[in-house]
Amino acid sequence: MNNFLVAIAGFICTILLAAIFVPILVDWNSYKDQIEAVGRKVTGQNVRIIGDVELRILPQPVFHTGGLEISNADNKKLLVTNDFTLELDFPSLLKGKIEVTSMNLNDGKIFLAKSDDASLNLFNLGSIVDQPINLDDVSIKKLILNNMDIEFTNDITKNQKNISIANAEITARSLHGPFKVKGN
């Protein structure tokens, strides 16, 4: 009986060690197309990875790339960043929810547009395809913006405003809000 328990413990340790170290050994750059396809499926937007890709699964899933570009179906840019890091809460994923424990956007630009129906373009994520994720099931503990610009465009009046953000931290209970923002 003891040998059986030792064998099971050894098997579990082997699986955990593999989950920790195998992602380090994989060249994730060769999987950019597949990662972009998943990004398109989840967001319903065009996703393009610029730069090298790093991925870690344990202790928490972390995705990092040297740059990221997201645009809508009309190829209007929604986000351009030179450095992107996303860290997710593993237990939440097992429950079918997405909890962003940390997301960093550095040195880039966010493009917001208000349309005829008064909605912002960032909140129609997945509207073109069947959205696999409910926006209420996505929460953000910490979204950090460093050296980012935000361009607001009113599609009706064509007025445009630009805001430069040195650093800001955003939290959200869901992607429908409420949102808290602090920074400068």
N, C-alpha and C. Protein backbone atom coordinates (compact mmCIF):
# COMPACT_ATOMS: atom_id res chain seq x y z
N MET A 1 0.82 -1.20 0.00
CA MET A 1 0.00 0.00 0.00
C MET A 1 0.87 1.26 0.00
N ASN A 2 1.95 1.25 0.80
CA ASN A 2 2.84 2.41 0.84
C ASN A 2 3.49 2.65 -0.51
N ASN A 3 3.88 1.57 -1.20
CA ASN A 3 4.50 1.72 -2.52
C ASN A 3 3.52 2.35 -3.51
N PHE A 4 2.26 1.99 -3.40
CA PHE A 4 1.24 2.55 -4.28
C PHE A 4 1.10 4.05 -4.04
N LEU A 5 1.05 4.47 -2.78
CA LEU A 5 0.94 5.90 -2.45
C LEU A 5 2.17 6.67 -2.89
N VAL A 6 3.34 6.06 -2.74
CA VAL A 6 4.59 6.70 -3.18
C VAL A 6 4.57 6.85 -4.70
N ALA A 7 4.08 5.83 -5.41
CA ALA A 7 4.01 5.89 -6.87
C ALA A 7 3.05 7.00 -7.32
N ILE A 8 1.91 7.12 -6.66
CA ILE A 8 0.95 8.18 -7.01
C ILE A 8 1.55 9.55 -6.71
N ALA A 9 2.19 9.70 -5.56
CA ALA A 9 2.83 10.98 -5.21
C ALA A 9 3.92 11.33 -6.22
N GLY A 10 4.70 10.34 -6.63
CA GLY A 10 5.74 10.57 -7.63
C GLY A 10 5.16 10.98 -8.97
N PHE A 11 4.04 10.34 -9.36
CA PHE A 11 3.37 10.69 -10.61
C PHE A 11 2.86 12.13 -10.58
N ILE A 12 2.23 12.51 -9.48
CA ILE A 12 1.71 13.87 -9.34
C ILE A 12 2.85 14.89 -9.38
N CYS A 13 3.94 14.60 -8.69
CA CYS A 13 5.11 15.50 -8.71
C CYS A 13 5.68 15.63 -10.12
N THR A 14 5.73 14.53 -10.85
CA THR A 14 6.24 14.55 -12.22
C THR A 14 5.36 15.42 -13.11
N ILE A 15 4.05 15.28 -12.98
CA ILE A 15 3.12 16.09 -13.77
C ILE A 15 3.29 17.57 -13.44
N LEU A 16 3.37 17.90 -12.15
CA LEU A 16 3.53 19.30 -11.75
C LEU A 16 4.85 19.88 -12.25
N LEU A 17 5.92 19.12 -12.13
CA LEU A 17 7.22 19.59 -12.61
C LEU A 17 7.20 19.78 -14.13
N ALA A 18 6.54 18.87 -14.83
CA ALA A 18 6.43 19.01 -16.28
C ALA A 18 5.63 20.27 -16.64
N ALA A 19 4.54 20.53 -15.90
CA ALA A 19 3.74 21.73 -16.17
C ALA A 19 4.52 23.01 -15.89
N ILE A 20 5.46 22.95 -14.98
CA ILE A 20 6.28 24.12 -14.67
C ILE A 20 7.40 24.30 -15.69
N PHE A 21 8.11 23.23 -16.02
CA PHE A 21 9.33 23.36 -16.82
C PHE A 21 9.16 23.17 -18.32
N VAL A 22 8.18 22.39 -18.77
CA VAL A 22 8.01 22.17 -20.21
C VAL A 22 7.71 23.48 -20.95
N PRO A 23 6.82 24.35 -20.42
CA PRO A 23 6.59 25.61 -21.15
C PRO A 23 7.85 26.46 -21.34
N ILE A 24 8.81 26.33 -20.45
CA ILE A 24 10.07 27.07 -20.58
C ILE A 24 10.87 26.54 -21.77
N LEU A 25 10.77 25.26 -22.04
CA LEU A 25 11.55 24.63 -23.10
C LEU A 25 10.92 24.76 -24.49
N VAL A 26 9.65 25.12 -24.54
CA VAL A 26 8.94 25.21 -25.82
C VAL A 26 9.20 26.57 -26.47
N ASP A 27 9.43 26.57 -27.78
CA ASP A 27 9.55 27.81 -28.53
C ASP A 27 8.15 28.26 -28.93
N TRP A 28 7.56 29.13 -28.11
CA TRP A 28 6.19 29.56 -28.32
C TRP A 28 6.04 30.44 -29.56
N ASN A 29 7.14 30.99 -30.07
CA ASN A 29 7.06 31.81 -31.28
C ASN A 29 6.57 31.00 -32.48
N SER A 30 6.83 29.71 -32.49
CA SER A 30 6.37 28.88 -33.59
C SER A 30 4.86 28.62 -33.52
N TYR A 31 4.22 29.02 -32.42
CA TYR A 31 2.78 28.84 -32.24
C TYR A 31 2.02 30.16 -32.32
N LYS A 32 2.65 31.22 -32.83
CA LYS A 32 2.00 32.54 -32.88
C LYS A 32 0.67 32.49 -33.63
N ASP A 33 0.63 31.80 -34.76
CA ASP A 33 -0.61 31.74 -35.54
C ASP A 33 -1.75 31.11 -34.74
N GLN A 34 -1.45 30.04 -34.01
CA GLN A 34 -2.48 29.38 -33.21
C GLN A 34 -2.92 30.27 -32.04
N ILE A 35 -1.96 30.97 -31.42
CA ILE A 35 -2.30 31.86 -30.30
C ILE A 35 -3.15 33.02 -30.81
N GLU A 36 -2.80 33.57 -31.97
CA GLU A 36 -3.59 34.65 -32.58
C GLU A 36 -5.00 34.16 -32.90
N ALA A 37 -5.13 32.92 -33.37
CA ALA A 37 -6.45 32.35 -33.69
C ALA A 37 -7.31 32.24 -32.44
N VAL A 38 -6.71 31.83 -31.33
CA VAL A 38 -7.45 31.76 -30.06
C VAL A 38 -7.87 33.17 -29.64
N GLY A 39 -6.97 34.14 -29.79
CA GLY A 39 -7.30 35.53 -29.48
C GLY A 39 -8.46 36.04 -30.31
N ARG A 40 -8.48 35.70 -31.60
CA ARG A 40 -9.59 36.09 -32.48
C ARG A 40 -10.89 35.44 -32.03
N LYS A 41 -10.81 34.17 -31.65
CA LYS A 41 -12.03 33.46 -31.24
C LYS A 41 -12.59 34.03 -29.95
N VAL A 42 -11.72 34.33 -29.00
CA VAL A 42 -12.17 34.83 -27.70
C VAL A 42 -12.71 36.26 -27.81
N THR A 43 -12.01 37.12 -28.56
CA THR A 43 -12.40 38.53 -28.61
C THR A 43 -13.32 38.88 -29.77
N GLY A 44 -13.32 38.06 -30.82
CA GLY A 44 -14.07 38.41 -32.00
C GLY A 44 -13.40 39.51 -32.81
N GLN A 45 -12.16 39.82 -32.49
CA GLN A 45 -11.41 40.88 -33.17
C GLN A 45 -10.15 40.27 -33.79
N ASN A 46 -9.51 41.03 -34.66
CA ASN A 46 -8.25 40.59 -35.25
C ASN A 46 -7.14 40.80 -34.23
N VAL A 47 -6.36 39.78 -33.98
CA VAL A 47 -5.26 39.84 -33.01
C VAL A 47 -3.97 39.51 -33.73
N ARG A 48 -2.97 40.37 -33.55
CA ARG A 48 -1.66 40.14 -34.16
C ARG A 48 -0.59 40.31 -33.09
N ILE A 49 0.24 39.28 -32.96
CA ILE A 49 1.33 39.30 -31.99
C ILE A 49 2.58 39.82 -32.67
N ILE A 50 3.19 40.81 -32.04
CA ILE A 50 4.42 41.40 -32.55
C ILE A 50 5.50 41.12 -31.50
N GLY A 51 6.59 40.57 -31.91
CA GLY A 51 7.65 40.29 -30.95
C GLY A 51 7.59 38.86 -30.44
N ASP A 52 8.49 38.55 -29.54
CA ASP A 52 8.61 37.19 -29.00
C ASP A 52 7.50 36.88 -28.01
N VAL A 53 7.16 35.60 -27.92
CA VAL A 53 6.10 35.11 -27.05
C VAL A 53 6.71 34.28 -25.93
N GLU A 54 6.25 34.52 -24.71
CA GLU A 54 6.61 33.69 -23.56
C GLU A 54 5.32 33.23 -22.90
N LEU A 55 5.29 31.97 -22.45
CA LEU A 55 4.10 31.42 -21.82
C LEU A 55 4.51 30.56 -20.65
N ARG A 56 3.78 30.72 -19.55
CA ARG A 56 4.00 29.90 -18.36
C ARG A 56 2.62 29.45 -17.88
N ILE A 57 2.53 28.22 -17.39
CA ILE A 57 1.25 27.68 -16.96
C ILE A 57 1.10 27.71 -15.44
N LEU A 58 2.12 27.28 -14.72
CA LEU A 58 2.07 27.24 -13.26
C LEU A 58 3.12 28.16 -12.66
N PRO A 59 2.93 28.74 -11.52
CA PRO A 59 1.79 28.60 -10.62
C PRO A 59 0.53 29.31 -11.11
N GLN A 60 0.69 30.32 -11.99
CA GLN A 60 -0.44 30.98 -12.61
C GLN A 60 -0.14 31.13 -14.10
N PRO A 61 -1.16 31.00 -14.95
CA PRO A 61 -0.92 31.21 -16.37
C PRO A 61 -0.47 32.65 -16.65
N VAL A 62 0.66 32.78 -17.34
CA VAL A 62 1.20 34.09 -17.70
C VAL A 62 1.55 34.07 -19.18
N PHE A 63 1.08 35.09 -19.90
CA PHE A 63 1.39 35.25 -21.32
C PHE A 63 2.07 36.60 -21.49
N HIS A 64 3.22 36.61 -22.17
CA HIS A 64 3.94 37.86 -22.42
C HIS A 64 4.38 37.91 -23.87
N THR A 65 4.27 39.08 -24.45
CA THR A 65 4.78 39.28 -25.81
C THR A 65 5.36 40.68 -25.92
N GLY A 66 6.32 40.80 -26.82
CA GLY A 66 6.97 42.09 -27.04
C GLY A 66 6.06 43.11 -27.68
N GLY A 67 4.92 42.72 -28.18
CA GLY A 67 3.98 43.66 -28.76
C GLY A 67 2.69 42.98 -29.16
N LEU A 68 1.61 43.76 -29.20
CA LEU A 68 0.30 43.21 -29.51
C LEU A 68 -0.50 44.27 -30.26
N GLU A 69 -1.24 43.83 -31.26
CA GLU A 69 -2.12 44.73 -32.00
C GLU A 69 -3.48 44.07 -32.14
N ILE A 70 -4.53 44.79 -31.77
CA ILE A 70 -5.90 44.29 -31.90
C ILE A 70 -6.66 45.28 -32.76
N SER A 71 -7.36 44.77 -33.77
CA SER A 71 -8.17 45.62 -34.65
C SER A 71 -9.51 44.94 -34.90
N ASN A 72 -10.50 45.75 -35.33
CA ASN A 72 -11.82 45.18 -35.57
C ASN A 72 -11.91 44.61 -36.98
N ALA A 73 -13.11 44.19 -37.37
CA ALA A 73 -13.30 43.55 -38.68
C ALA A 73 -12.98 44.49 -39.84
N ASP A 74 -13.13 45.80 -39.61
CA ASP A 74 -12.81 46.80 -40.64
C ASP A 74 -11.34 47.20 -40.61
N ASN A 75 -10.54 46.47 -39.84
CA ASN A 75 -9.11 46.75 -39.64
C ASN A 75 -8.84 48.10 -39.00
N LYS A 76 -9.82 48.63 -38.26
CA LYS A 76 -9.58 49.83 -37.45
C LYS A 76 -8.93 49.37 -36.16
N LYS A 77 -7.83 50.00 -35.82
CA LYS A 77 -7.08 49.58 -34.64
C LYS A 77 -7.86 49.88 -33.36
N LEU A 78 -7.81 48.93 -32.43
CA LEU A 78 -8.39 49.11 -31.11
C LEU A 78 -7.29 49.26 -30.06
N LEU A 79 -6.18 48.53 -30.26
CA LEU A 79 -5.08 48.55 -29.30
C LEU A 79 -3.77 48.25 -30.01
N VAL A 80 -2.75 49.02 -29.69
CA VAL A 80 -1.39 48.75 -30.13
C VAL A 80 -0.51 48.95 -28.91
N THR A 81 0.30 47.95 -28.58
CA THR A 81 1.20 48.08 -27.44
C THR A 81 2.53 47.40 -27.76
N ASN A 82 3.60 47.98 -27.27
CA ASN A 82 4.94 47.42 -27.52
C ASN A 82 5.34 46.37 -26.50
N ASP A 83 4.56 46.24 -25.42
CA ASP A 83 4.87 45.26 -24.38
C ASP A 83 3.57 44.87 -23.71
N PHE A 84 3.26 43.57 -23.70
CA PHE A 84 1.98 43.09 -23.17
C PHE A 84 2.23 41.88 -22.29
N THR A 85 1.68 41.93 -21.07
CA THR A 85 1.75 40.80 -20.15
C THR A 85 0.37 40.55 -19.58
N LEU A 86 -0.06 39.29 -19.57
CA LEU A 86 -1.35 38.90 -19.03
C LEU A 86 -1.14 37.76 -18.04
N GLU A 87 -1.65 37.93 -16.82
CA GLU A 87 -1.57 36.89 -15.80
C GLU A 87 -2.99 36.57 -15.34
N LEU A 88 -3.35 35.28 -15.36
CA LEU A 88 -4.69 34.84 -15.02
C LEU A 88 -4.70 34.04 -13.73
N ASP A 89 -5.85 34.01 -13.07
CA ASP A 89 -6.03 33.21 -11.86
C ASP A 89 -6.44 31.79 -12.27
N PHE A 90 -5.60 30.82 -11.94
CA PHE A 90 -5.82 29.43 -12.37
C PHE A 90 -7.12 28.83 -11.82
N PRO A 91 -7.42 28.96 -10.50
CA PRO A 91 -8.67 28.38 -10.00
C PRO A 91 -9.92 28.94 -10.67
N SER A 92 -9.92 30.22 -11.03
CA SER A 92 -11.07 30.80 -11.71
C SER A 92 -11.29 30.16 -13.08
N LEU A 93 -10.20 29.85 -13.77
CA LEU A 93 -10.32 29.19 -15.07
C LEU A 93 -11.01 27.84 -14.94
N LEU A 94 -10.73 27.14 -13.86
CA LEU A 94 -11.36 25.83 -13.63
C LEU A 94 -12.86 25.97 -13.40
N LYS A 95 -13.30 27.15 -12.94
CA LYS A 95 -14.73 27.42 -12.71
C LYS A 95 -15.42 27.98 -13.94
N GLY A 96 -14.67 28.17 -15.04
CA GLY A 96 -15.25 28.72 -16.25
C GLY A 96 -15.29 30.23 -16.28
N LYS A 97 -14.59 30.87 -15.38
CA LYS A 97 -14.53 32.33 -15.32
C LYS A 97 -13.10 32.77 -15.60
N ILE A 98 -12.94 34.01 -16.01
CA ILE A 98 -11.61 34.54 -16.26
C ILE A 98 -11.37 35.69 -15.29
N GLU A 99 -10.39 35.51 -14.43
CA GLU A 99 -9.99 36.58 -13.51
C GLU A 99 -8.58 37.00 -13.89
N VAL A 100 -8.49 38.21 -14.41
CA VAL A 100 -7.19 38.76 -14.78
C VAL A 100 -6.57 39.31 -13.50
N THR A 101 -5.55 38.61 -12.99
CA THR A 101 -4.89 39.10 -11.78
C THR A 101 -3.99 40.27 -12.10
N SER A 102 -3.42 40.29 -13.29
CA SER A 102 -2.57 41.40 -13.70
C SER A 102 -2.47 41.43 -15.22
N MET A 103 -2.64 42.62 -15.77
CA MET A 103 -2.42 42.84 -17.20
C MET A 103 -1.64 44.14 -17.33
N ASN A 104 -0.54 44.09 -18.06
CA ASN A 104 0.29 45.28 -18.26
C ASN A 104 0.31 45.64 -19.74
N LEU A 105 -0.02 46.88 -20.03
CA LEU A 105 0.09 47.44 -21.38
C LEU A 105 1.09 48.58 -21.30
N ASN A 106 2.17 48.47 -22.05
CA ASN A 106 3.24 49.47 -21.99
C ASN A 106 3.52 50.03 -23.37
N ASP A 107 3.72 51.34 -23.42
CA ASP A 107 4.18 52.03 -24.63
C ASP A 107 3.30 51.74 -25.84
N GLY A 108 2.09 52.27 -25.82
CA GLY A 108 1.19 52.03 -26.94
C GLY A 108 0.03 52.99 -26.98
N LYS A 109 -1.05 52.54 -27.63
CA LYS A 109 -2.21 53.40 -27.82
C LYS A 109 -3.48 52.56 -27.83
N ILE A 110 -4.52 53.10 -27.18
CA ILE A 110 -5.85 52.50 -27.17
C ILE A 110 -6.75 53.42 -27.99
N PHE A 111 -7.51 52.84 -28.90
CA PHE A 111 -8.39 53.61 -29.78
C PHE A 111 -9.84 53.34 -29.38
N LEU A 112 -10.51 54.34 -28.81
CA LEU A 112 -11.91 54.20 -28.42
C LEU A 112 -12.77 54.99 -29.39
N ALA A 113 -13.86 54.40 -29.84
CA ALA A 113 -14.78 55.08 -30.75
C ALA A 113 -16.20 54.90 -30.24
N LYS A 114 -16.93 56.01 -30.21
CA LYS A 114 -18.34 55.98 -29.82
C LYS A 114 -19.16 55.94 -31.11
N SER A 115 -20.03 54.93 -31.21
CA SER A 115 -20.78 54.74 -32.46
C SER A 115 -22.18 55.34 -32.37
N ASP A 116 -22.96 55.12 -33.42
CA ASP A 116 -24.33 55.66 -33.52
C ASP A 116 -25.20 55.27 -32.33
N ASP A 117 -25.05 54.05 -31.84
CA ASP A 117 -25.89 53.59 -30.73
C ASP A 117 -25.29 53.92 -29.37
N ALA A 118 -24.32 54.82 -29.33
CA ALA A 118 -23.69 55.33 -28.10
C ALA A 118 -22.84 54.29 -27.38
N SER A 119 -22.53 53.18 -28.03
CA SER A 119 -21.67 52.18 -27.39
C SER A 119 -20.23 52.41 -27.80
N LEU A 120 -19.32 52.00 -26.93
CA LEU A 120 -17.89 52.10 -27.23
C LEU A 120 -17.44 50.84 -27.95
N ASN A 121 -16.51 50.98 -28.88
CA ASN A 121 -16.06 49.85 -29.69
C ASN A 121 -15.41 48.75 -28.87
N LEU A 122 -14.86 49.05 -27.71
CA LEU A 122 -14.23 48.00 -26.91
C LEU A 122 -15.25 47.07 -26.27
N PHE A 123 -16.50 47.51 -26.16
CA PHE A 123 -17.49 46.69 -25.48
C PHE A 123 -18.35 45.87 -26.42
N ASN A 124 -17.97 45.79 -27.68
CA ASN A 124 -18.65 44.87 -28.59
C ASN A 124 -17.72 43.71 -28.92
N LEU A 125 -16.85 43.37 -27.97
CA LEU A 125 -15.96 42.24 -28.17
C LEU A 125 -16.77 40.99 -28.44
N GLY A 126 -16.42 40.29 -29.46
CA GLY A 126 -17.08 39.03 -29.77
C GLY A 126 -18.42 39.19 -30.44
N SER A 127 -18.80 40.41 -30.81
CA SER A 127 -20.12 40.59 -31.42
C SER A 127 -20.19 40.03 -32.84
N ILE A 128 -19.05 39.90 -33.49
CA ILE A 128 -19.03 39.41 -34.87
C ILE A 128 -19.14 37.89 -34.90
N VAL A 129 -18.56 37.24 -33.92
CA VAL A 129 -18.62 35.78 -33.84
C VAL A 129 -19.40 35.40 -32.59
N ASP A 130 -19.78 34.13 -32.49
CA ASP A 130 -20.41 33.68 -31.26
C ASP A 130 -19.40 33.78 -30.14
N GLN A 131 -19.68 34.67 -29.22
CA GLN A 131 -18.72 34.94 -28.15
C GLN A 131 -18.73 33.79 -27.14
N PRO A 132 -17.60 33.11 -26.96
CA PRO A 132 -17.56 31.99 -26.05
C PRO A 132 -17.53 32.39 -24.59
N ILE A 133 -17.27 33.67 -24.32
CA ILE A 133 -17.11 34.11 -22.94
C ILE A 133 -18.09 35.24 -22.66
N ASN A 134 -18.85 35.10 -21.58
CA ASN A 134 -19.76 36.14 -21.13
C ASN A 134 -18.93 37.25 -20.49
N LEU A 135 -19.18 38.51 -20.86
CA LEU A 135 -18.40 39.63 -20.32
C LEU A 135 -18.54 39.74 -18.81
N ASP A 136 -19.65 39.24 -18.24
CA ASP A 136 -19.80 39.24 -16.79
C ASP A 136 -18.89 38.23 -16.11
N ASP A 137 -18.38 37.26 -16.87
CA ASP A 137 -17.50 36.23 -16.32
C ASP A 137 -16.02 36.62 -16.38
N VAL A 138 -15.74 37.85 -16.78
CA VAL A 138 -14.36 38.33 -16.87
C VAL A 138 -14.18 39.48 -15.89
N SER A 139 -13.26 39.31 -14.94
CA SER A 139 -12.97 40.39 -13.99
C SER A 139 -11.50 40.75 -14.09
N ILE A 140 -11.20 41.99 -13.72
CA ILE A 140 -9.83 42.48 -13.78
C ILE A 140 -9.44 43.00 -12.41
N LYS A 141 -8.48 42.32 -11.78
CA LYS A 141 -7.96 42.79 -10.49
C LYS A 141 -7.02 43.96 -10.68
N LYS A 142 -6.20 43.90 -11.74
CA LYS A 142 -5.24 44.96 -11.94
C LYS A 142 -4.86 45.04 -13.42
N LEU A 143 -5.22 46.16 -14.05
CA LEU A 143 -4.79 46.48 -15.41
C LEU A 143 -3.91 47.71 -15.30
N ILE A 144 -2.65 47.57 -15.66
CA ILE A 144 -1.69 48.66 -15.53
C ILE A 144 -1.36 49.21 -16.91
N LEU A 145 -1.52 50.52 -17.05
CA LEU A 145 -1.17 51.21 -18.28
C LEU A 145 0.05 52.08 -18.00
N ASN A 146 1.10 51.91 -18.78
CA ASN A 146 2.32 52.72 -18.66
C ASN A 146 2.64 53.33 -20.01
N ASN A 147 2.79 54.64 -20.04
CA ASN A 147 3.12 55.36 -21.27
C ASN A 147 2.17 54.98 -22.41
N MET A 148 0.90 55.07 -22.12
CA MET A 148 -0.13 54.74 -23.12
C MET A 148 -0.89 56.01 -23.49
N ASP A 149 -1.31 56.08 -24.73
CA ASP A 149 -2.18 57.15 -25.20
C ASP A 149 -3.56 56.55 -25.46
N ILE A 150 -4.59 57.35 -25.22
CA ILE A 150 -5.95 56.94 -25.54
C ILE A 150 -6.52 57.97 -26.51
N GLU A 151 -7.01 57.47 -27.63
CA GLU A 151 -7.62 58.34 -28.64
C GLU A 151 -9.12 58.08 -28.64
N PHE A 152 -9.90 59.09 -28.26
CA PHE A 152 -11.36 59.00 -28.27
C PHE A 152 -11.88 59.62 -29.56
N THR A 153 -12.71 58.89 -30.28
CA THR A 153 -13.31 59.41 -31.51
C THR A 153 -14.82 59.22 -31.44
N ASN A 154 -15.56 60.28 -31.73
CA ASN A 154 -17.00 60.18 -31.84
C ASN A 154 -17.30 59.96 -33.32
N ASP A 155 -17.76 58.77 -33.67
CA ASP A 155 -17.99 58.44 -35.09
C ASP A 155 -19.08 59.29 -35.73
N ILE A 156 -19.95 59.88 -34.92
CA ILE A 156 -21.04 60.70 -35.47
C ILE A 156 -20.53 62.10 -35.78
N THR A 157 -19.90 62.75 -34.79
CA THR A 157 -19.43 64.13 -34.97
C THR A 157 -18.02 64.21 -35.53
N LYS A 158 -17.32 63.11 -35.52
CA LYS A 158 -15.92 63.02 -35.96
C LYS A 158 -14.97 63.81 -35.06
N ASN A 159 -15.46 64.24 -33.89
CA ASN A 159 -14.57 64.89 -32.92
C ASN A 159 -13.60 63.87 -32.36
N GLN A 160 -12.41 64.36 -32.04
CA GLN A 160 -11.37 63.45 -31.55
C GLN A 160 -10.63 64.10 -30.38
N LYS A 161 -10.37 63.32 -29.34
CA LYS A 161 -9.61 63.77 -28.17
C LYS A 161 -8.52 62.75 -27.90
N ASN A 162 -7.37 63.24 -27.48
CA ASN A 162 -6.26 62.37 -27.13
C ASN A 162 -5.86 62.61 -25.68
N ILE A 163 -5.58 61.53 -24.98
CA ILE A 163 -5.13 61.60 -23.59
C ILE A 163 -3.86 60.78 -23.48
N SER A 164 -2.86 61.34 -22.82
CA SER A 164 -1.63 60.60 -22.55
C SER A 164 -1.63 60.17 -21.10
N ILE A 165 -1.30 58.91 -20.87
CA ILE A 165 -1.29 58.35 -19.52
C ILE A 165 0.14 57.92 -19.20
N ALA A 166 0.71 58.54 -18.16
CA ALA A 166 2.04 58.12 -17.71
C ALA A 166 1.93 56.76 -17.04
N ASN A 167 1.01 56.65 -16.08
CA ASN A 167 0.72 55.34 -15.48
C ASN A 167 -0.66 55.39 -14.85
N ALA A 168 -1.36 54.28 -14.93
CA ALA A 168 -2.70 54.16 -14.37
C ALA A 168 -2.95 52.71 -14.02
N GLU A 169 -3.82 52.53 -13.02
CA GLU A 169 -4.23 51.18 -12.62
C GLU A 169 -5.75 51.13 -12.67
N ILE A 170 -6.28 50.11 -13.33
CA ILE A 170 -7.72 49.95 -13.52
C ILE A 170 -8.15 48.62 -12.93
N THR A 171 -9.29 48.61 -12.25
CA THR A 171 -9.89 47.36 -11.77
C THR A 171 -11.34 47.33 -12.24
N ALA A 172 -11.86 46.11 -12.40
CA ALA A 172 -13.25 45.97 -12.84
C ALA A 172 -13.81 44.65 -12.32
N ARG A 173 -15.01 44.72 -11.75
CA ARG A 173 -15.68 43.51 -11.28
C ARG A 173 -16.08 42.62 -12.45
N SER A 174 -16.42 43.25 -13.58
CA SER A 174 -16.69 42.53 -14.83
C SER A 174 -16.38 43.49 -15.97
N LEU A 175 -16.41 43.00 -17.19
CA LEU A 175 -16.16 43.89 -18.32
C LEU A 175 -17.33 44.82 -18.60
N HIS A 176 -18.45 44.60 -17.90
CA HIS A 176 -19.56 45.55 -17.97
C HIS A 176 -19.40 46.64 -16.91
N GLY A 177 -18.45 46.49 -16.00
CA GLY A 177 -18.21 47.47 -14.95
C GLY A 177 -18.70 46.95 -13.62
N PRO A 178 -18.59 47.76 -12.61
CA PRO A 178 -18.02 49.11 -12.57
C PRO A 178 -16.50 49.07 -12.66
N PHE A 179 -15.94 50.17 -13.15
CA PHE A 179 -14.50 50.31 -13.31
C PHE A 179 -13.97 51.32 -12.30
N LYS A 180 -12.79 51.04 -11.75
CA LYS A 180 -12.10 51.99 -10.89
C LYS A 180 -10.78 52.32 -11.57
N VAL A 181 -10.46 53.60 -11.64
CA VAL A 181 -9.22 54.04 -12.28
C VAL A 181 -8.49 54.96 -11.33
N LYS A 182 -7.18 54.70 -11.17
CA LYS A 182 -6.34 55.65 -10.42
C LYS A 182 -5.01 55.76 -11.15
N GLY A 183 -4.47 56.95 -11.13
CA GLY A 183 -3.20 57.17 -11.81
C GLY A 183 -3.08 58.58 -12.32
N ASN A 184 -2.11 58.79 -13.21
CA ASN A 184 -1.91 60.13 -13.78
C ASN A 184 -1.50 60.02 -15.24
